[in-house]
Amino acid sequence: MMAGSAAIHCDDLAPLTVLATLAAFIISVCFRQISRYQGRASRWFLFACLLLAAATLFTDFRFVRRYRTFCGELRQQMRQVHPPR
């Protein structure tokens, strides 16, 4: 997608984005590693990574939900204008 382009390509929106998949993977790794590292600094670092991944997952969810709603409304309007034969 071009940097200056404001177009939304509804057919290109994936149901689960790569960003959400990576954030969920990082969350699972943090939960597995938190029992292994007993040091205070290590635990704070894992906790910070966990919070960052959770914030990323939440932001990605809001983005996808917002554009899914927009694309769903657009498809519904298109069906009303051009009903299937």
PDB file of N, CA and C in Angstrom:
ATOM      1  N   MET A   1       0.846  -1.173   0.000  1.00  0.00           N
ATOM      2  CA  MET A   1       0.000   0.000   0.000  1.00  0.00           C
ATOM      3  C   MET A   1       0.894   1.240   0.000  1.00  0.00           C
ATOM      4  N   MET A   2       0.547   2.215  -0.747  1.00  0.00           N
ATOM      5  CA  MET A   2       1.332   3.443  -0.850  1.00  0.00           C
ATOM      6  C   MET A   2       1.237   4.237   0.449  1.00  0.00           C
ATOM      7  N   ALA A   3       2.264   4.969   0.758  1.00  0.00           N
ATOM      8  CA  ALA A   3       2.290   5.746   1.984  1.00  0.00           C
ATOM      9  C   ALA A   3       1.253   6.860   1.964  1.00  0.00           C
ATOM     10  N   GLY A   4       1.013   7.467   0.823  1.00  0.00           N
ATOM     11  CA  GLY A   4       0.071   8.570   0.718  1.00  0.00           C
ATOM     12  C   GLY A   4      -1.351   8.113   0.417  1.00  0.00           C
ATOM     13  N   SER A   5      -1.551   6.839   0.223  1.00  0.00           N
ATOM     14  CA  SER A   5      -2.857   6.315  -0.152  1.00  0.00           C
ATOM     15  C   SER A   5      -3.741   6.164   1.080  1.00  0.00           C
ATOM     16  N   ALA A   6      -4.977   6.673   0.970  1.00  0.00           N
ATOM     17  CA  ALA A   6      -5.930   6.566   2.076  1.00  0.00           C
ATOM     18  C   ALA A   6      -6.997   5.528   1.773  1.00  0.00           C
ATOM     19  N   ALA A   7      -6.814   4.751   0.724  1.00  0.00           N
ATOM     20  CA  ALA A   7      -7.802   3.750   0.326  1.00  0.00           C
ATOM     21  C   ALA A   7      -7.763   2.559   1.276  1.00  0.00           C
ATOM     22  N   ILE A   8      -8.948   1.983   1.488  1.00  0.00           N
ATOM     23  CA  ILE A   8      -9.065   0.783   2.307  1.00  0.00           C
ATOM     24  C   ILE A   8      -9.430  -0.359   1.371  1.00  0.00           C
ATOM     25  N   HIS A   9      -8.610  -1.373   1.327  1.00  0.00           N
ATOM     26  CA  HIS A   9      -8.850  -2.527   0.479  1.00  0.00           C
ATOM     27  C   HIS A   9      -9.490  -3.611   1.330  1.00  0.00           C
ATOM     28  N   CYS A  10     -10.813  -3.692   1.276  1.00  0.00           N
ATOM     29  CA  CYS A  10     -11.551  -4.609   2.149  1.00  0.00           C
ATOM     30  C   CYS A  10     -11.208  -6.066   1.876  1.00  0.00           C
ATOM     31  N   ASP A  11     -10.896  -6.404   0.646  1.00  0.00           N
ATOM     32  CA  ASP A  11     -10.575  -7.795   0.324  1.00  0.00           C
ATOM     33  C   ASP A  11      -9.210  -8.210   0.859  1.00  0.00           C
ATOM     34  N   ASP A  12      -8.362  -7.249   1.181  1.00  0.00           N
ATOM     35  CA  ASP A  12      -7.023  -7.545   1.662  1.00  0.00           C
ATOM     36  C   ASP A  12      -6.933  -7.661   3.187  1.00  0.00           C
ATOM     37  N   LEU A  13      -8.013  -7.361   3.901  1.00  0.00           N
ATOM     38  CA  LEU A  13      -7.973  -7.433   5.360  1.00  0.00           C
ATOM     39  C   LEU A  13      -8.044  -8.887   5.807  1.00  0.00           C
ATOM     40  N   ALA A  14      -7.044  -9.333   6.504  1.00  0.00           N
ATOM     41  CA  ALA A  14      -7.025 -10.709   7.003  1.00  0.00           C
ATOM     42  C   ALA A  14      -7.823 -10.804   8.300  1.00  0.00           C
ATOM     43  N   PRO A  15      -8.442 -11.959   8.558  1.00  0.00           N
ATOM     44  CA  PRO A  15      -9.207 -12.095   9.798  1.00  0.00           C
ATOM     45  C   PRO A  15      -8.314 -12.039  11.046  1.00  0.00           C
ATOM     46  N   LEU A  16      -7.101 -12.530  10.936  1.00  0.00           N
ATOM     47  CA  LEU A  16      -6.153 -12.462  12.035  1.00  0.00           C
ATOM     48  C   LEU A  16      -4.860 -11.919  11.461  1.00  0.00           C
ATOM     49  N   THR A  17      -4.475 -10.744  11.897  1.00  0.00           N
ATOM     50  CA  THR A  17      -3.309 -10.119  11.295  1.00  0.00           C
ATOM     51  C   THR A  17      -2.013 -10.720  11.824  1.00  0.00           C
ATOM     52  N   VAL A  18      -0.962 -10.480  11.091  1.00  0.00           N
ATOM     53  CA  VAL A  18       0.357 -10.963  11.483  1.00  0.00           C
ATOM     54  C   VAL A  18       0.759 -10.324  12.811  1.00  0.00           C
ATOM     55  N   LEU A  19       0.420  -9.071  12.979  1.00  0.00           N
ATOM     56  CA  LEU A  19       0.755  -8.367  14.216  1.00  0.00           C
ATOM     57  C   LEU A  19       0.085  -9.017  15.424  1.00  0.00           C
ATOM     58  N   ALA A  20      -1.171  -9.392  15.293  1.00  0.00           N
ATOM     59  CA  ALA A  20      -1.886 -10.047  16.388  1.00  0.00           C
ATOM     60  C   ALA A  20      -1.284 -11.418  16.686  1.00  0.00           C
ATOM     61  N   THR A  21      -0.895 -12.136  15.654  1.00  0.00           N
ATOM     62  CA  THR A  21      -0.286 -13.452  15.845  1.00  0.00           C
ATOM     63  C   THR A  21       1.042 -13.332  16.582  1.00  0.00           C
ATOM     64  N   LEU A  22       1.863 -12.366  16.181  1.00  0.00           N
ATOM     65  CA  LEU A  22       3.152 -12.167  16.856  1.00  0.00           C
ATOM     66  C   LEU A  22       2.971 -11.723  18.300  1.00  0.00           C
ATOM     67  N   ALA A  23       2.010 -10.839  18.551  1.00  0.00           N
ATOM     68  CA  ALA A  23       1.758 -10.385  19.919  1.00  0.00           C
ATOM     69  C   ALA A  23       1.304 -11.546  20.797  1.00  0.00           C
ATOM     70  N   ALA A  24       0.421 -12.392  20.290  1.00  0.00           N
ATOM     71  CA  ALA A  24      -0.034 -13.553  21.057  1.00  0.00           C
ATOM     72  C   ALA A  24       1.121 -14.511  21.321  1.00  0.00           C
ATOM     73  N   PHE A  25       2.011 -14.689  20.341  1.00  0.00           N
ATOM     74  CA  PHE A  25       3.178 -15.546  20.533  1.00  0.00           C
ATOM     75  C   PHE A  25       4.104 -14.996  21.616  1.00  0.00           C
ATOM     76  N   ILE A  26       4.340 -13.693  21.596  1.00  0.00           N
ATOM     77  CA  ILE A  26       5.205 -13.072  22.610  1.00  0.00           C
ATOM     78  C   ILE A  26       4.584 -13.200  23.998  1.00  0.00           C
ATOM     79  N   ILE A  27       3.273 -13.041  24.093  1.00  0.00           N
ATOM     80  CA  ILE A  27       2.591 -13.208  25.379  1.00  0.00           C
ATOM     81  C   ILE A  27       2.799 -14.632  25.903  1.00  0.00           C
ATOM     82  N   SER A  28       2.640 -15.626  25.037  1.00  0.00           N
ATOM     83  CA  SER A  28       2.824 -17.012  25.485  1.00  0.00           C
ATOM     84  C   SER A  28       4.263 -17.287  25.903  1.00  0.00           C
ATOM     85  N   VAL A  29       5.225 -16.732  25.183  1.00  0.00           N
ATOM     86  CA  VAL A  29       6.629 -16.910  25.549  1.00  0.00           C
ATOM     87  C   VAL A  29       6.913 -16.250  26.899  1.00  0.00           C
ATOM     88  N   CYS A  30       6.353 -15.071  27.124  1.00  0.00           N
ATOM     89  CA  CYS A  30       6.569 -14.383  28.405  1.00  0.00           C
ATOM     90  C   CYS A  30       6.016 -15.198  29.561  1.00  0.00           C
ATOM     91  N   PHE A  31       4.828 -15.775  29.382  1.00  0.00           N
ATOM     92  CA  PHE A  31       4.254 -16.593  30.456  1.00  0.00           C
ATOM     93  C   PHE A  31       5.092 -17.840  30.726  1.00  0.00           C
ATOM     94  N   ARG A  32       5.658 -18.416  29.678  1.00  0.00           N
ATOM     95  CA  ARG A  32       6.504 -19.600  29.883  1.00  0.00           C
ATOM     96  C   ARG A  32       7.829 -19.243  30.558  1.00  0.00           C
ATOM     97  N   GLN A  33       8.378 -18.080  30.241  1.00  0.00           N
ATOM     98  CA  GLN A  33       9.692 -17.703  30.746  1.00  0.00           C
ATOM     99  C   GLN A  33       9.659 -17.096  32.141  1.00  0.00           C
ATOM    100  N   ILE A  34       8.517 -16.593  32.571  1.00  0.00           N
ATOM    101  CA  ILE A  34       8.462 -15.871  33.845  1.00  0.00           C
ATOM    102  C   ILE A  34       8.776 -16.783  35.034  1.00  0.00           C
ATOM    103  N   SER A  35       8.458 -18.072  34.939  1.00  0.00           N
ATOM    104  CA  SER A  35       8.783 -18.983  36.042  1.00  0.00           C
ATOM    105  C   SER A  35      10.245 -19.414  36.001  1.00  0.00           C
ATOM    106  N   ARG A  36      10.860 -19.312  34.853  1.00  0.00           N
ATOM    107  CA  ARG A  36      12.252 -19.746  34.705  1.00  0.00           C
ATOM    108  C   ARG A  36      13.234 -18.717  35.267  1.00  0.00           C
ATOM    109  N   TYR A  37      12.927 -17.441  35.121  1.00  0.00           N
ATOM    110  CA  TYR A  37      13.841 -16.389  35.565  1.00  0.00           C
ATOM    111  C   TYR A  37      13.374 -15.825  36.897  1.00  0.00           C
ATOM    112  N   GLN A  38      14.193 -16.011  37.907  1.00  0.00           N
ATOM    113  CA  GLN A  38      13.837 -15.576  39.248  1.00  0.00           C
ATOM    114  C   GLN A  38      14.356 -14.177  39.590  1.00  0.00           C
ATOM    115  N   GLY A  39      15.259 -13.659  38.797  1.00  0.00           N
ATOM    116  CA  GLY A  39      15.817 -12.330  39.056  1.00  0.00           C
ATOM    117  C   GLY A  39      14.785 -11.234  38.894  1.00  0.00           C
ATOM    118  N   ARG A  40      14.884 -10.234  39.746  1.00  0.00           N
ATOM    119  CA  ARG A  40      13.909  -9.140  39.733  1.00  0.00           C
ATOM    120  C   ARG A  40      13.936  -8.356  38.414  1.00  0.00           C
ATOM    121  N   ALA A  41      15.145  -8.078  37.909  1.00  0.00           N
ATOM    122  CA  ALA A  41      15.278  -7.322  36.661  1.00  0.00           C
ATOM    123  C   ALA A  41      14.713  -8.116  35.483  1.00  0.00           C
ATOM    124  N   SER A  42      14.980  -9.398  35.456  1.00  0.00           N
ATOM    125  CA  SER A  42      14.462 -10.239  34.373  1.00  0.00           C
ATOM    126  C   SER A  42      12.945 -10.289  34.388  1.00  0.00           C
ATOM    127  N   ARG A  43      12.372 -10.397  35.571  1.00  0.00           N
ATOM    128  CA  ARG A  43      10.904 -10.445  35.675  1.00  0.00           C
ATOM    129  C   ARG A  43      10.276  -9.119  35.246  1.00  0.00           C
ATOM    130  N   TRP A  44      10.893  -8.010  35.607  1.00  0.00           N
ATOM    131  CA  TRP A  44      10.359  -6.710  35.181  1.00  0.00           C
ATOM    132  C   TRP A  44      10.441  -6.560  33.664  1.00  0.00           C
ATOM    133  N   PHE A  45      11.537  -7.045  33.081  1.00  0.00           N
ATOM    134  CA  PHE A  45      11.673  -6.986  31.630  1.00  0.00           C
ATOM    135  C   PHE A  45      10.593  -7.835  30.950  1.00  0.00           C
ATOM    136  N   LEU A  46      10.363  -9.044  31.448  1.00  0.00           N
ATOM    137  CA  LEU A  46       9.316  -9.903  30.878  1.00  0.00           C
ATOM    138  C   LEU A  46       7.935  -9.278  31.069  1.00  0.00           C
ATOM    139  N   PHE A  47       7.719  -8.662  32.220  1.00  0.00           N
ATOM    140  CA  PHE A  47       6.439  -8.005  32.480  1.00  0.00           C
ATOM    141  C   PHE A  47       6.231  -6.824  31.524  1.00  0.00           C
ATOM    142  N   ALA A  48       7.294  -6.053  31.264  1.00  0.00           N
ATOM    143  CA  ALA A  48       7.197  -4.936  30.315  1.00  0.00           C
ATOM    144  C   ALA A  48       6.914  -5.452  28.903  1.00  0.00           C
ATOM    145  N   CYS A  49       7.568  -6.548  28.516  1.00  0.00           N
ATOM    146  CA  CYS A  49       7.297  -7.152  27.204  1.00  0.00           C
ATOM    147  C   CYS A  49       5.863  -7.654  27.124  1.00  0.00           C
ATOM    148  N   LEU A  50       5.376  -8.213  28.206  1.00  0.00           N
ATOM    149  CA  LEU A  50       4.001  -8.705  28.264  1.00  0.00           C
ATOM    150  C   LEU A  50       3.004  -7.561  28.103  1.00  0.00           C
ATOM    151  N   LEU A  51       3.254  -6.454  28.790  1.00  0.00           N
ATOM    152  CA  LEU A  51       2.366  -5.293  28.657  1.00  0.00           C
ATOM    153  C   LEU A  51       2.401  -4.696  27.255  1.00  0.00           C
ATOM    154  N   LEU A  52       3.577  -4.619  26.669  1.00  0.00           N
ATOM    155  CA  LEU A  52       3.704  -4.093  25.309  1.00  0.00           C
ATOM    156  C   LEU A  52       2.974  -4.987  24.303  1.00  0.00           C
ATOM    157  N   ALA A  53       3.130  -6.297  24.447  1.00  0.00           N
ATOM    158  CA  ALA A  53       2.440  -7.229  23.541  1.00  0.00           C
ATOM    159  C   ALA A  53       0.928  -7.162  23.741  1.00  0.00           C
ATOM    160  N   ALA A  54       0.473  -7.033  24.979  1.00  0.00           N
ATOM    161  CA  ALA A  54      -0.966  -6.927  25.241  1.00  0.00           C
ATOM    162  C   ALA A  54      -1.535  -5.635  24.658  1.00  0.00           C
ATOM    163  N   ALA A  55      -0.801  -4.538  24.791  1.00  0.00           N
ATOM    164  CA  ALA A  55      -1.251  -3.269  24.214  1.00  0.00           C
ATOM    165  C   ALA A  55      -1.300  -3.360  22.685  1.00  0.00           C
ATOM    166  N   THR A  56      -0.320  -4.022  22.099  1.00  0.00           N
ATOM    167  CA  THR A  56      -0.304  -4.216  20.653  1.00  0.00           C
ATOM    168  C   THR A  56      -1.487  -5.051  20.196  1.00  0.00           C
ATOM    169  N   LEU A  57      -1.783  -6.113  20.929  1.00  0.00           N
ATOM    170  CA  LEU A  57      -2.916  -6.974  20.588  1.00  0.00           C
ATOM    171  C   LEU A  57      -4.232  -6.219  20.692  1.00  0.00           C
ATOM    172  N   PHE A  58      -4.379  -5.426  21.742  1.00  0.00           N
ATOM    173  CA  PHE A  58      -5.596  -4.639  21.932  1.00  0.00           C
ATOM    174  C   PHE A  58      -5.758  -3.605  20.825  1.00  0.00           C
ATOM    175  N   THR A  59      -4.685  -2.903  20.488  1.00  0.00           N
ATOM    176  CA  THR A  59      -4.737  -1.890  19.429  1.00  0.00           C
ATOM    177  C   THR A  59      -5.052  -2.521  18.081  1.00  0.00           C
ATOM    178  N   ASP A  60      -4.436  -3.662  17.811  1.00  0.00           N
ATOM    179  CA  ASP A  60      -4.699  -4.361  16.557  1.00  0.00           C
ATOM    180  C   ASP A  60      -6.158  -4.817  16.487  1.00  0.00           C
ATOM    181  N   PHE A  61      -6.691  -5.303  17.589  1.00  0.00           N
ATOM    182  CA  PHE A  61      -8.092  -5.722  17.627  1.00  0.00           C
ATOM    183  C   PHE A  61      -9.016  -4.556  17.310  1.00  0.00           C
ATOM    184  N   ARG A  62      -8.756  -3.411  17.911  1.00  0.00           N
ATOM    185  CA  ARG A  62      -9.598  -2.235  17.650  1.00  0.00           C
ATOM    186  C   ARG A  62      -9.514  -1.801  16.185  1.00  0.00           C
ATOM    187  N   PHE A  63      -8.314  -1.834  15.613  1.00  0.00           N
ATOM    188  CA  PHE A  63      -8.124  -1.462  14.216  1.00  0.00           C
ATOM    189  C   PHE A  63      -8.900  -2.402  13.288  1.00  0.00           C
ATOM    190  N   VAL A  64      -8.734  -3.705  13.497  1.00  0.00           N
ATOM    191  CA  VAL A  64      -9.400  -4.688  12.649  1.00  0.00           C
ATOM    192  C   VAL A  64     -10.913  -4.587  12.806  1.00  0.00           C
ATOM    193  N   ARG A  65     -11.400  -4.435  14.032  1.00  0.00           N
ATOM    194  CA  ARG A  65     -12.843  -4.345  14.260  1.00  0.00           C
ATOM    195  C   ARG A  65     -13.421  -3.108  13.577  1.00  0.00           C
ATOM    196  N   ARG A  66     -12.706  -2.009  13.654  1.00  0.00           N
ATOM    197  CA  ARG A  66     -13.185  -0.765  13.047  1.00  0.00           C
ATOM    198  C   ARG A  66     -13.327  -0.907  11.535  1.00  0.00           C
ATOM    199  N   TYR A  67     -12.315  -1.470  10.878  1.00  0.00           N
ATOM    200  CA  TYR A  67     -12.368  -1.606   9.430  1.00  0.00           C
ATOM    201  C   TYR A  67     -13.241  -2.772   8.986  1.00  0.00           C
ATOM    202  N   ARG A  68     -13.411  -3.785   9.801  1.00  0.00           N
ATOM    203  CA  ARG A  68     -14.350  -4.868   9.478  1.00  0.00           C
ATOM    204  C   ARG A  68     -15.772  -4.318   9.452  1.00  0.00           C
ATOM    205  N   THR A  69     -16.107  -3.461  10.422  1.00  0.00           N
ATOM    206  CA  THR A  69     -17.440  -2.856  10.460  1.00  0.00           C
ATOM    207  C   THR A  69     -17.657  -1.993   9.223  1.00  0.00           C
ATOM    208  N   PHE A  70     -16.675  -1.186   8.883  1.00  0.00           N
ATOM    209  CA  PHE A  70     -16.766  -0.327   7.709  1.00  0.00           C
ATOM    210  C   PHE A  70     -16.942  -1.167   6.439  1.00  0.00           C
ATOM    211  N   CYS A  71     -16.138  -2.198   6.280  1.00  0.00           N
ATOM    212  CA  CYS A  71     -16.212  -3.024   5.078  1.00  0.00           C
ATOM    213  C   CYS A  71     -17.517  -3.818   5.030  1.00  0.00           C
ATOM    214  N   GLY A  72     -18.016  -4.259   6.184  1.00  0.00           N
ATOM    215  CA  GLY A  72     -19.292  -4.959   6.222  1.00  0.00           C
ATOM    216  C   GLY A  72     -20.440  -4.066   5.793  1.00  0.00           C
ATOM    217  N   GLU A  73     -20.431  -2.828   6.253  1.00  0.00           N
ATOM    218  CA  GLU A  73     -21.470  -1.871   5.847  1.00  0.00           C
ATOM    219  C   GLU A  73     -21.369  -1.558   4.357  1.00  0.00           C
ATOM    220  N   LEU A  74     -20.163  -1.443   3.854  1.00  0.00           N
ATOM    221  CA  LEU A  74     -19.960  -1.168   2.437  1.00  0.00           C
ATOM    222  C   LEU A  74     -20.474  -2.325   1.578  1.00  0.00           C
ATOM    223  N   ARG A  75     -20.185  -3.560   1.992  1.00  0.00           N
ATOM    224  CA  ARG A  75     -20.679  -4.725   1.249  1.00  0.00           C
ATOM    225  C   ARG A  75     -22.205  -4.799   1.270  1.00  0.00           C
ATOM    226  N   GLN A  76     -22.798  -4.474   2.408  1.00  0.00           N
ATOM    227  CA  GLN A  76     -24.256  -4.493   2.525  1.00  0.00           C
ATOM    228  C   GLN A  76     -24.875  -3.446   1.589  1.00  0.00           C
ATOM    229  N   GLN A  77     -24.291  -2.278   1.524  1.00  0.00           N
ATOM    230  CA  GLN A  77     -24.786  -1.247   0.615  1.00  0.00           C
ATOM    231  C   GLN A  77     -24.652  -1.678  -0.843  1.00  0.00           C
ATOM    232  N   MET A  78     -23.551  -2.352  -1.151  1.00  0.00           N
ATOM    233  CA  MET A  78     -23.355  -2.828  -2.528  1.00  0.00           C
ATOM    234  C   MET A  78     -24.379  -3.889  -2.894  1.00  0.00           C
ATOM    235  N   ARG A  79     -24.731  -4.762  -1.942  1.00  0.00           N
ATOM    236  CA  ARG A  79     -25.747  -5.780  -2.202  1.00  0.00           C
ATOM    237  C   ARG A  79     -27.107  -5.161  -2.427  1.00  0.00           C
ATOM    238  N   GLN A  80     -27.402  -4.066  -1.738  1.00  0.00           N
ATOM    239  CA  GLN A  80     -28.687  -3.414  -1.909  1.00  0.00           C
ATOM    240  C   GLN A  80     -28.785  -2.736  -3.270  1.00  0.00           C
ATOM    241  N   VAL A  81     -27.679  -2.190  -3.736  1.00  0.00           N
ATOM    242  CA  VAL A  81     -27.659  -1.511  -5.031  1.00  0.00           C
ATOM    243  C   VAL A  81     -27.699  -2.542  -6.174  1.00  0.00           C
ATOM    244  N   HIS A  82     -26.931  -3.621  -6.024  1.00  0.00           N
ATOM    245  CA  HIS A  82     -26.860  -4.676  -7.051  1.00  0.00           C
ATOM    246  C   HIS A  82     -27.269  -5.999  -6.426  1.00  0.00           C
ATOM    247  N   PRO A  83     -28.573  -6.298  -6.332  1.00  0.00           N
ATOM    248  CA  PRO A  83     -28.993  -7.563  -5.718  1.00  0.00           C
ATOM    249  C   PRO A  83     -28.568  -8.754  -6.576  1.00  0.00           C
ATOM    250  N   PRO A  84     -28.256  -9.888  -5.927  1.00  0.00           N
ATOM    251  CA  PRO A  84     -27.849 -11.080  -6.691  1.00  0.00           C
ATOM    252  C   PRO A  84     -29.012 -11.604  -7.527  1.00  0.00           C
ATOM    253  N   ARG A  85     -28.682 -12.185  -8.668  1.00  0.00           N
ATOM    254  CA  ARG A  85     -29.733 -12.685  -9.574  1.00  0.00           C
ATOM    255  C   ARG A  85     -30.045 -14.111  -9.329  1.00  0.00           C
TER     256      ARG A  85
END
